[in-house]
Amino acid sequence: MKKISFFVCLLSVGVMFTACSSDDSDFNPKTEGEETHTVTFEGSYWDVLIDAPQYGGTLLYGSDAKNYGWCDVATQLTGFMSNTWGGAYGFAEGGSAISNYIDENINEPRDYNVQLAVPVSNGSKNFVVVFDNSSLMFADKQARVIKSMDVIGTTYALSVCKNGDGNDYAKALTQKGDFYDVIVTGFKSGKETGAVTISIAKDGGFLADWYKADMTSLGAVDSLAFSMDGSDKSSWGVKTPKYFAFDNVVIKK
C-alpha cells in the first residue's frame, strides 16, 4: 500500500450505469498533451447536480435520491450513491456528490449542515464530495490508468479534526499519533490492484489545501473504492466525520 505524505503543503453499488453517451454531458475536457483527459466537473451538466441546501436537499435526500449519479462522457468516469441500506436515506448512506460550496471556517466545530463545503477554492468552480464508504467506476467497464486527483479535507471534517465536534463524541486530532486517512483502492475485474492512503489529518497537521495525489501505483482499474480510517474510533467505527473532496481527475487515454 502506498501512503501519500502531504506535509509539504500543510496549512496548519447501488445504482449501476451503462456507458454514458454524448447526450449525457456537455463537458469539454481539458486535454493535457495527447495522453490524458482531466475531469474538471465544470459545465451546465455538472451545475444542475449541486444540491441546495447542503443537507436535506431534494437531490441528495429526496424520494429519488438513491438514483443520484453522474457520468463523464469523455472518460466514462461515474459516481453514484452507495445505497448501503437500500437508498431510503440518500447521501447519508454514502456516495459522491457534485458541489461548489466554499466555507473557510474550520477553526470552530461545524456540523453536517456544511457537509458539501471545502475551505478553499482550487481556482475552479465544481468538485466532488465523498461521504463514507463509496465507489467510482468506468461505465463502459474498460480499465484505465488514473494518474492523479486533487484532494482536500472538507470544512466539516477538518473542523472536527481541529476542534472536536463540540458534543464530546468526536475528538480533536491534534496530538502525536492522531490521524484520519482516506484509502483509495483500485480494482480490475473484481481483483484489487493496489491502494493509496491519503492523510487528511496527522499528528496535528491538516490537509486544508488542495493536494495532487498520485494514483499511478494502482495501475489500470475499472473501479475505485473509497474508505476512511482514523485514530478516533468506537465499536461502531471511525468517529471523525467521514468526508473528503476531490477534483481534477487525470485519466490516461
C-alpha atoms as a PDB file:
ATOM      1  CA  MET A   1       0.000   0.000   0.000  1.00  0.00           C
ATOM      2  CA  LYS A   2       1.310   3.430  -0.937  1.00  0.00           C
ATOM      3  CA  LYS A   3       0.914   6.206   1.622  1.00  0.00           C
ATOM      4  CA  ILE A   4       0.939   9.815   0.458  1.00  0.00           C
ATOM      5  CA  SER A   5       2.640  12.444   2.595  1.00  0.00           C
ATOM      6  CA  PHE A   6       1.133  15.894   2.288  1.00  0.00           C
ATOM      7  CA  PHE A   7       3.230  17.793   4.814  1.00  0.00           C
ATOM      8  CA  VAL A   8       4.981  19.809   2.126  1.00  0.00           C
ATOM      9  CA  CYS A   9       1.696  21.673   1.646  1.00  0.00           C
ATOM     10  CA  LEU A  10       0.069  21.618   5.110  1.00  0.00           C
ATOM     11  CA  LEU A  11      -1.756  24.759   6.168  1.00  0.00           C
ATOM     12  CA  SER A  12      -1.978  24.043   9.986  1.00  0.00           C
ATOM     13  CA  VAL A  13     -23.176  -0.408  -5.612  1.00  0.00           C
ATOM     14  CA  GLY A  14     -26.466   0.884  -5.521  1.00  0.00           C
ATOM     15  CA  VAL A  15     -27.167   2.404  -8.953  1.00  0.00           C
ATOM     16  CA  MET A  16     -25.465   0.826 -11.938  1.00  0.00           C
ATOM     17  CA  PHE A  17     -24.816   2.778 -15.123  1.00  0.00           C
ATOM     18  CA  THR A  18     -24.418   1.793 -18.721  1.00  0.00           C
ATOM     19  CA  ALA A  19     -21.819   3.637 -20.759  1.00  0.00           C
ATOM     20  CA  CYS A  20     -22.653   7.322 -20.878  1.00  0.00           C
ATOM     21  CA  SER A  21     -23.333   8.853 -24.275  1.00  0.00           C
ATOM     22  CA  SER A  22     -22.620  12.267 -25.728  1.00  0.00           C
ATOM     23  CA  ASP A  23     -26.117  13.316 -24.700  1.00  0.00           C
ATOM     24  CA  ASP A  24     -25.255  12.871 -21.033  1.00  0.00           C
ATOM     25  CA  SER A  25     -22.889  15.840 -20.745  1.00  0.00           C
ATOM     26  CA  ASP A  26     -21.721  18.962 -22.493  1.00  0.00           C
ATOM     27  CA  PHE A  27     -18.368  18.562 -20.748  1.00  0.00           C
ATOM     28  CA  ASN A  28     -15.425  19.742 -22.800  1.00  0.00           C
ATOM     29  CA  PRO A  29     -12.426  18.045 -21.196  1.00  0.00           C
ATOM     30  CA  LYS A  30      -9.188  19.848 -20.561  1.00  0.00           C
ATOM     31  CA  THR A  31      -6.613  17.884 -22.527  1.00  0.00           C
ATOM     32  CA  GLU A  32      -3.053  17.550 -21.297  1.00  0.00           C
ATOM     33  CA  GLY A  33      -0.970  16.841 -24.373  1.00  0.00           C
ATOM     34  CA  GLU A  34      -2.252  13.860 -26.312  1.00  0.00           C
ATOM     35  CA  GLU A  35      -2.188  11.337 -23.484  1.00  0.00           C
ATOM     36  CA  THR A  36      -4.704  12.308 -20.802  1.00  0.00           C
ATOM     37  CA  HIS A  37      -8.062  13.856 -20.056  1.00  0.00           C
ATOM     38  CA  THR A  38      -8.702  15.833 -16.895  1.00  0.00           C
ATOM     39  CA  VAL A  39     -12.209  15.560 -15.483  1.00  0.00           C
ATOM     40  CA  THR A  40     -12.869  19.026 -14.043  1.00  0.00           C
ATOM     41  CA  PHE A  41     -16.600  18.685 -13.265  1.00  0.00           C
ATOM     42  CA  GLU A  42     -17.262  22.032 -14.921  1.00  0.00           C
ATOM     43  CA  GLY A  43     -20.247  22.940 -17.118  1.00  0.00           C
ATOM     44  CA  SER A  44     -24.022  23.008 -17.065  1.00  0.00           C
ATOM     45  CA  TYR A  45     -24.369  19.227 -16.832  1.00  0.00           C
ATOM     46  CA  TRP A  46     -22.491  19.295 -13.529  1.00  0.00           C
ATOM     47  CA  ASP A  47     -24.047  22.513 -12.199  1.00  0.00           C
ATOM     48  CA  VAL A  48     -27.544  21.028 -12.019  1.00  0.00           C
ATOM     49  CA  LEU A  49     -26.244  18.167  -9.863  1.00  0.00           C
ATOM     50  CA  ILE A  50     -25.398  20.521  -6.969  1.00  0.00           C
ATOM     51  CA  ASP A  51     -27.979  20.274  -4.206  1.00  0.00           C
ATOM     52  CA  ALA A  52     -29.362  23.107  -2.073  1.00  0.00           C
ATOM     53  CA  PRO A  53     -29.336  23.233   0.855  1.00  0.00           C
ATOM     54  CA  GLN A  54     -26.196  21.216   1.548  1.00  0.00           C
ATOM     55  CA  TYR A  55     -28.095  18.909   3.900  1.00  0.00           C
ATOM     56  CA  GLY A  56     -31.662  17.796   3.272  1.00  0.00           C
ATOM     57  CA  GLY A  57     -31.970  18.925  -0.350  1.00  0.00           C
ATOM     58  CA  THR A  58     -34.180  17.111  -2.820  1.00  0.00           C
ATOM     59  CA  LEU A  59     -31.340  15.804  -4.990  1.00  0.00           C
ATOM     60  CA  LEU A  60     -29.385  14.024  -2.255  1.00  0.00           C
ATOM     61  CA  TYR A  61     -32.188  13.302   0.231  1.00  0.00           C
ATOM     62  CA  GLY A  62     -35.417  13.374  -1.766  1.00  0.00           C
ATOM     63  CA  SER A  63     -37.607  10.477  -2.819  1.00  0.00           C
ATOM     64  CA  ASP A  64     -35.418   9.737  -5.844  1.00  0.00           C
ATOM     65  CA  ALA A  65     -32.053  10.379  -4.165  1.00  0.00           C
ATOM     66  CA  LYS A  66     -30.989   6.737  -4.438  1.00  0.00           C
ATOM     67  CA  ASN A  67     -30.773   7.257  -8.202  1.00  0.00           C
ATOM     68  CA  TYR A  68     -28.491  10.300  -7.977  1.00  0.00           C
ATOM     69  CA  GLY A  69     -25.379   9.845 -10.064  1.00  0.00           C
ATOM     70  CA  TRP A  70     -23.098  11.369 -12.663  1.00  0.00           C
ATOM     71  CA  CYS A  71     -21.137  10.139 -15.659  1.00  0.00           C
ATOM     72  CA  ASP A  72     -18.389  11.966 -17.530  1.00  0.00           C
ATOM     73  CA  VAL A  73     -18.783  11.358 -21.263  1.00  0.00           C
ATOM     74  CA  ALA A  74     -15.115  11.835 -22.156  1.00  0.00           C
ATOM     75  CA  THR A  75     -13.738   9.229 -19.754  1.00  0.00           C
ATOM     76  CA  GLN A  76     -16.833   7.265 -18.644  1.00  0.00           C
ATOM     77  CA  LEU A  77     -15.907   8.002 -15.014  1.00  0.00           C
ATOM     78  CA  THR A  78     -19.093   7.524 -12.985  1.00  0.00           C
ATOM     79  CA  GLY A  79     -20.142   8.295  -9.420  1.00  0.00           C
ATOM     80  CA  PHE A  80     -23.304   7.291  -7.599  1.00  0.00           C
ATOM     81  CA  MET A  81     -24.982   6.730  -4.251  1.00  0.00           C
ATOM     82  CA  SER A  82     -23.815   3.792  -2.139  1.00  0.00           C
ATOM     83  CA  ASN A  83     -27.393   2.878  -1.095  1.00  0.00           C
ATOM     84  CA  THR A  84     -25.940   0.874   1.787  1.00  0.00           C
ATOM     85  CA  TRP A  85     -29.341   0.423   3.441  1.00  0.00           C
ATOM     86  CA  GLY A  86     -31.427   0.392   0.291  1.00  0.00           C
ATOM     87  CA  GLY A  87     -31.327   4.080  -0.548  1.00  0.00           C
ATOM     88  CA  ALA A  88     -34.057   5.430   1.740  1.00  0.00           C
ATOM     89  CA  TYR A  89     -31.636   7.873   3.396  1.00  0.00           C
ATOM     90  CA  GLY A  90     -29.890   9.172   0.288  1.00  0.00           C
ATOM     91  CA  PHE A  91     -26.444  10.659   0.740  1.00  0.00           C
ATOM     92  CA  ALA A  92     -26.477   9.688   4.422  1.00  0.00           C
ATOM     93  CA  GLU A  93     -25.757   6.147   3.209  1.00  0.00           C
ATOM     94  CA  GLY A  94     -22.608   7.248   1.356  1.00  0.00           C
ATOM     95  CA  GLY A  95     -21.801   8.308  -2.173  1.00  0.00           C
ATOM     96  CA  SER A  96     -20.198  11.039  -4.257  1.00  0.00           C
ATOM     97  CA  ALA A  97     -21.941  14.383  -4.795  1.00  0.00           C
ATOM     98  CA  ILE A  98     -21.101  17.314  -7.054  1.00  0.00           C
ATOM     99  CA  SER A  99     -20.557  20.541  -5.085  1.00  0.00           C
ATOM    100  CA  ASN A 100     -19.380  24.128  -5.375  1.00  0.00           C
ATOM    101  CA  TYR A 101     -19.674  25.253  -1.742  1.00  0.00           C
ATOM    102  CA  ILE A 102     -16.763  27.098  -0.113  1.00  0.00           C
ATOM    103  CA  ASP A 103     -16.717  27.719   3.641  1.00  0.00           C
ATOM    104  CA  GLU A 104     -13.425  28.834   5.178  1.00  0.00           C
ATOM    105  CA  ASN A 105     -14.376  28.450   8.831  1.00  0.00           C
ATOM    106  CA  ILE A 106     -12.631  25.343  10.096  1.00  0.00           C
ATOM    107  CA  ASN A 107     -11.473  26.929  13.356  1.00  0.00           C
ATOM    108  CA  GLU A 108     -14.594  26.040  15.325  1.00  0.00           C
ATOM    109  CA  PRO A 109     -16.785  22.930  15.415  1.00  0.00           C
ATOM    110  CA  ARG A 110     -19.116  22.642  12.413  1.00  0.00           C
ATOM    111  CA  ASP A 111     -21.784  20.108  11.577  1.00  0.00           C
ATOM    112  CA  TYR A 112     -23.471  18.270   8.702  1.00  0.00           C
ATOM    113  CA  ASN A 113     -25.216  21.442   7.522  1.00  0.00           C
ATOM    114  CA  VAL A 114     -21.939  22.329   5.749  1.00  0.00           C
ATOM    115  CA  GLN A 115     -21.248  18.778   4.568  1.00  0.00           C
ATOM    116  CA  LEU A 116     -20.686  19.761   0.911  1.00  0.00           C
ATOM    117  CA  ALA A 117     -18.209  22.593   1.588  1.00  0.00           C
ATOM    118  CA  VAL A 118     -14.432  22.774   1.348  1.00  0.00           C
ATOM    119  CA  PRO A 119     -12.333  25.503   2.991  1.00  0.00           C
ATOM    120  CA  VAL A 120     -10.644  26.907  -0.103  1.00  0.00           C
ATOM    121  CA  SER A 121     -11.141  27.067  -3.851  1.00  0.00           C
ATOM    122  CA  ASN A 122      -8.609  25.487  -6.182  1.00  0.00           C
ATOM    123  CA  GLY A 123      -9.429  28.023  -8.890  1.00  0.00           C
ATOM    124  CA  SER A 124     -12.271  26.064 -10.464  1.00  0.00           C
ATOM    125  CA  LYS A 125     -15.957  26.045  -9.588  1.00  0.00           C
ATOM    126  CA  ASN A 126     -17.082  22.472  -9.041  1.00  0.00           C
ATOM    127  CA  PHE A 127     -15.657  19.410  -7.296  1.00  0.00           C
ATOM    128  CA  VAL A 128     -16.856  16.123  -5.764  1.00  0.00           C
ATOM    129  CA  VAL A 129     -17.570  15.483  -2.085  1.00  0.00           C
ATOM    130  CA  VAL A 130     -17.395  11.865  -0.933  1.00  0.00           C
ATOM    131  CA  PHE A 131     -19.180  10.651   2.182  1.00  0.00           C
ATOM    132  CA  ASP A 132     -18.420   7.342   3.887  1.00  0.00           C
ATOM    133  CA  ASN A 133     -17.531   4.192   2.003  1.00  0.00           C
ATOM    134  CA  SER A 134     -18.309   4.711  -1.667  1.00  0.00           C
ATOM    135  CA  SER A 135     -17.137   3.841  -5.165  1.00  0.00           C
ATOM    136  CA  LEU A 136     -16.438   5.155  -8.636  1.00  0.00           C
ATOM    137  CA  MET A 137     -16.458   3.112 -11.827  1.00  0.00           C
ATOM    138  CA  PHE A 138     -15.889   3.405 -15.535  1.00  0.00           C
ATOM    139  CA  ALA A 139     -19.344   2.947 -17.020  1.00  0.00           C
ATOM    140  CA  ASP A 140     -18.079   1.123 -20.114  1.00  0.00           C
ATOM    141  CA  LYS A 141     -16.207  -1.352 -17.862  1.00  0.00           C
ATOM    142  CA  GLN A 142     -12.898  -0.604 -19.596  1.00  0.00           C
ATOM    143  CA  ALA A 143      -9.845  -0.352 -17.345  1.00  0.00           C
ATOM    144  CA  ARG A 144      -7.939   2.938 -17.386  1.00  0.00           C
ATOM    145  CA  VAL A 145      -4.966   4.415 -15.531  1.00  0.00           C
ATOM    146  CA  ILE A 146      -5.905   7.244 -13.195  1.00  0.00           C
ATOM    147  CA  LYS A 147      -2.746   9.318 -12.958  1.00  0.00           C
ATOM    148  CA  SER A 148      -3.786  11.726 -10.210  1.00  0.00           C
ATOM    149  CA  MET A 149      -6.597  13.541  -8.477  1.00  0.00           C
ATOM    150  CA  ASP A 150      -6.647  16.702  -6.381  1.00  0.00           C
ATOM    151  CA  VAL A 151      -7.771  16.021  -2.801  1.00  0.00           C
ATOM    152  CA  ILE A 152      -8.710  18.116   0.231  1.00  0.00           C
ATOM    153  CA  GLY A 153     -10.458  17.655   3.576  1.00  0.00           C
ATOM    154  CA  THR A 154     -13.947  19.133   3.775  1.00  0.00           C
ATOM    155  CA  THR A 155     -14.900  22.031   6.029  1.00  0.00           C
ATOM    156  CA  TYR A 156     -16.954  19.768   8.292  1.00  0.00           C
ATOM    157  CA  ALA A 157     -14.337  17.040   8.602  1.00  0.00           C
ATOM    158  CA  LEU A 158     -11.432  19.446   9.093  1.00  0.00           C
ATOM    159  CA  SER A 159     -13.301  21.491  11.697  1.00  0.00           C
ATOM    160  CA  VAL A 160     -13.843  18.351  13.758  1.00  0.00           C
ATOM    161  CA  CYS A 161     -10.261  17.204  13.232  1.00  0.00           C
ATOM    162  CA  LYS A 162      -9.068  20.562  14.585  1.00  0.00           C
ATOM    163  CA  ASN A 163     -11.620  21.203  17.333  1.00  0.00           C
ATOM    164  CA  GLY A 164     -13.668  18.127  18.049  1.00  0.00           C
ATOM    165  CA  ASP A 165     -17.368  18.123  17.304  1.00  0.00           C
ATOM    166  CA  GLY A 166     -18.439  20.158  20.351  1.00  0.00           C
ATOM    167  CA  ASN A 167     -20.594  17.277  21.629  1.00  0.00           C
ATOM    168  CA  ASP A 168     -17.930  15.116  23.266  1.00  0.00           C
ATOM    169  CA  TYR A 169     -18.341  12.458  20.581  1.00  0.00           C
ATOM    170  CA  ALA A 170     -15.588  13.015  18.007  1.00  0.00           C
ATOM    171  CA  LYS A 171     -12.392  14.418  19.455  1.00  0.00           C
ATOM    172  CA  ALA A 172      -9.838  16.825  18.004  1.00  0.00           C
ATOM    173  CA  LEU A 173      -6.940  15.100  16.242  1.00  0.00           C
ATOM    174  CA  THR A 174      -4.201  17.425  17.436  1.00  0.00           C
ATOM    175  CA  GLN A 175      -1.835  15.093  19.264  1.00  0.00           C
ATOM    176  CA  LYS A 176       1.064  12.977  18.073  1.00  0.00           C
ATOM    177  CA  GLY A 177      -0.326   9.670  16.842  1.00  0.00           C
ATOM    178  CA  ASP A 178      -3.710  11.111  15.880  1.00  0.00           C
ATOM    179  CA  PHE A 179      -4.726  10.548  12.258  1.00  0.00           C
ATOM    180  CA  TYR A 180      -7.580  10.489   9.777  1.00  0.00           C
ATOM    181  CA  ASP A 181      -6.921   8.821   6.419  1.00  0.00           C
ATOM    182  CA  VAL A 182      -8.719   8.233   3.153  1.00  0.00           C
ATOM    183  CA  ILE A 183      -7.885   4.918   1.484  1.00  0.00           C
ATOM    184  CA  VAL A 184      -8.348   4.688  -2.283  1.00  0.00           C
ATOM    185  CA  THR A 185      -8.397   1.091  -3.510  1.00  0.00           C
ATOM    186  CA  GLY A 186      -8.249   0.155  -7.174  1.00  0.00           C
ATOM    187  CA  PHE A 187      -9.991  -2.831  -8.757  1.00  0.00           C
ATOM    188  CA  LYS A 188      -9.857  -4.528 -12.128  1.00  0.00           C
ATOM    189  CA  SER A 189     -12.270  -7.330 -12.966  1.00  0.00           C
ATOM    190  CA  GLY A 190     -13.101  -7.605  -9.277  1.00  0.00           C
ATOM    191  CA  LYS A 191      -9.493  -8.021  -8.164  1.00  0.00           C
ATOM    192  CA  GLU A 192      -7.673  -5.435  -6.081  1.00  0.00           C
ATOM    193  CA  THR A 193      -4.817  -3.708  -7.925  1.00  0.00           C
ATOM    194  CA  GLY A 194      -3.443  -1.694  -5.012  1.00  0.00           C
ATOM    195  CA  ALA A 195      -4.286   1.029  -2.521  1.00  0.00           C
ATOM    196  CA  VAL A 196      -3.212   4.598  -1.847  1.00  0.00           C
ATOM    197  CA  THR A 197      -3.622   6.219   1.572  1.00  0.00           C
ATOM    198  CA  ILE A 198      -4.072   9.992   1.796  1.00  0.00           C
ATOM    199  CA  SER A 199      -3.680  11.652   5.194  1.00  0.00           C
ATOM    200  CA  ILE A 200      -6.340  14.285   5.903  1.00  0.00           C
ATOM    201  CA  ALA A 201      -5.069  14.737   9.470  1.00  0.00           C
ATOM    202  CA  LYS A 202      -1.901  13.515  11.140  1.00  0.00           C
ATOM    203  CA  ASP A 203      -0.087  14.492  14.343  1.00  0.00           C
ATOM    204  CA  GLY A 204      -1.859  17.858  14.491  1.00  0.00           C
ATOM    205  CA  GLY A 205      -1.418  18.712  10.783  1.00  0.00           C
ATOM    206  CA  PHE A 206      -4.367  19.024   8.420  1.00  0.00           C
ATOM    207  CA  LEU A 207      -4.895  18.789   4.663  1.00  0.00           C
ATOM    208  CA  ALA A 208      -6.659  22.155   4.391  1.00  0.00           C
ATOM    209  CA  ASP A 209      -5.444  22.996   0.886  1.00  0.00           C
ATOM    210  CA  TRP A 210      -5.759  21.094  -2.362  1.00  0.00           C
ATOM    211  CA  TYR A 211      -3.112  18.402  -2.885  1.00  0.00           C
ATOM    212  CA  LYS A 212      -2.384  16.452  -6.087  1.00  0.00           C
ATOM    213  CA  ALA A 213      -2.393  12.783  -5.107  1.00  0.00           C
ATOM    214  CA  ASP A 214      -0.506  10.355  -7.347  1.00  0.00           C
ATOM    215  CA  MET A 215      -2.718   7.384  -8.266  1.00  0.00           C
ATOM    216  CA  THR A 216      -0.447   5.669 -10.793  1.00  0.00           C
ATOM    217  CA  SER A 217       0.552   2.884  -8.379  1.00  0.00           C
ATOM    218  CA  LEU A 218      -2.991   1.491  -8.732  1.00  0.00           C
ATOM    219  CA  GLY A 219      -2.337   0.627 -12.369  1.00  0.00           C
ATOM    220  CA  ALA A 220      -5.199   0.168 -14.819  1.00  0.00           C
ATOM    221  CA  VAL A 221      -8.516  -0.001 -12.941  1.00  0.00           C
ATOM    222  CA  ASP A 222     -12.168  -0.274 -13.842  1.00  0.00           C
ATOM    223  CA  SER A 223     -13.362   0.937 -10.434  1.00  0.00           C
ATOM    224  CA  LEU A 224     -12.210   2.662  -7.261  1.00  0.00           C
ATOM    225  CA  ALA A 225     -13.404   2.216  -3.683  1.00  0.00           C
ATOM    226  CA  PHE A 226     -13.052   4.914  -1.012  1.00  0.00           C
ATOM    227  CA  SER A 227     -12.875   4.132   2.692  1.00  0.00           C
ATOM    228  CA  MET A 228     -11.774   6.019   5.787  1.00  0.00           C
ATOM    229  CA  ASP A 229      -9.686   5.128   8.824  1.00  0.00           C
ATOM    230  CA  GLY A 230      -8.730   7.142  11.881  1.00  0.00           C
ATOM    231  CA  SER A 231      -7.374   7.068  15.389  1.00  0.00           C
ATOM    232  CA  ASP A 232     -10.656   8.199  16.990  1.00  0.00           C
ATOM    233  CA  LYS A 233     -12.844   5.098  16.916  1.00  0.00           C
ATOM    234  CA  SER A 234     -15.613   3.355  18.780  1.00  0.00           C
ATOM    235  CA  SER A 235     -17.030  -0.136  18.356  1.00  0.00           C
ATOM    236  CA  TRP A 236     -19.096   1.374  15.509  1.00  0.00           C
ATOM    237  CA  GLY A 237     -16.033   2.592  13.640  1.00  0.00           C
ATOM    238  CA  VAL A 238     -14.379   5.947  12.945  1.00  0.00           C
ATOM    239  CA  LYS A 239     -15.914   8.879  14.835  1.00  0.00           C
ATOM    240  CA  THR A 240     -14.384  11.625  12.680  1.00  0.00           C
ATOM    241  CA  PRO A 241     -16.915  12.735  10.034  1.00  0.00           C
ATOM    242  CA  LYS A 242     -16.094  10.559   7.026  1.00  0.00           C
ATOM    243  CA  TYR A 243     -15.878  13.164   4.275  1.00  0.00           C
ATOM    244  CA  PHE A 244     -13.287  14.343   1.785  1.00  0.00           C
ATOM    245  CA  ALA A 245     -13.360  16.068  -1.613  1.00  0.00           C
ATOM    246  CA  PHE A 246     -11.624  15.539  -4.941  1.00  0.00           C
ATOM    247  CA  ASP A 247     -11.307  17.342  -8.262  1.00  0.00           C
ATOM    248  CA  ASN A 248      -9.281  17.350 -11.497  1.00  0.00           C
ATOM    249  CA  VAL A 249      -9.071  13.604 -12.061  1.00  0.00           C
ATOM    250  CA  VAL A 250      -6.350  12.997 -14.653  1.00  0.00           C
ATOM    251  CA  ILE A 251      -7.046   9.837 -16.654  1.00  0.00           C
ATOM    252  CA  LYS A 252      -4.788   8.280 -19.251  1.00  0.00           C
ATOM    253  CA  LYS A 253      -6.486   7.748 -22.597  1.00  0.00           C
END
